Amino acid sequence: MNKYLRAALATLAFIAALLLVYYVHMRQFRVNVVLYASILDAVIAVVVVFAGLYALKWFRDFSRLELIQLAAIWLLGGYVFAISVPTVIDRSLSFYILEKLQQRGGGIREDAFRQVFTEEYVREHHLVEVRLTEQLQSGTVQIHDGCVRLTARGERLASFGRFYRQNLLPTHRLLMGQYTDALTDPFRDSRMPSDYRCQ
């Protein structure tokens, strides 16, 4: 059997292992952050499949470089899976819109979407709890005495995000039929309805 076929079959084994590990992890174990858990699943699948096939001498004709490349491809594939499937579905407002339309019989008045987002989406998806948990697990915020504060890491990430948003996001983006730069500076017209800052 040639190396290409061996690599392809090994990759299919990795994909099957990744899906199995992911399913068991999500259904049977505690998960702090979906993205991080999914990346861990990819690493576990790489280690298990690689070790198993290596023990079976499946890779006997492969050079060390080819083995490293194959492992890197699998890890990148696992990362793409983690970001593109579970994380997108878990976090996506776009998926929420589709699911909400389906739940409400296939249609919702356009003028009701602001109410749907503020009164249903935030509550149904536990948005505040999920996002604060993610930030705590990422080390970007700390909560002390009911006050959520940026850590040094959070400050750096916020500065990077703001820089990227202002300088590298589209300045002519289509929003409901009009091109605008509104999302390059979403705080442009920001108002604080009440003073909620920590003292």
Foldseek 3Di string as FASTA:
>chain_A
DDPVVLLVVLLVQLVVQLVVLLVCCVPPHDDLAQLVVQLVSLVVSLVVSVVVCVVVVSCVVPDPVRNVVSSVVSSVVSNCCSCPPPVCCLPPPVVVVVVVCVVVPNDDDPVCVVVCCVPPVCVVSVVVVSVVSVCVVVQQWDADPNAIDGDPVVVVVVVVVLCCLQPPDDQQDDDPHGTHSCRSCVCPVPDDPDPPHDD
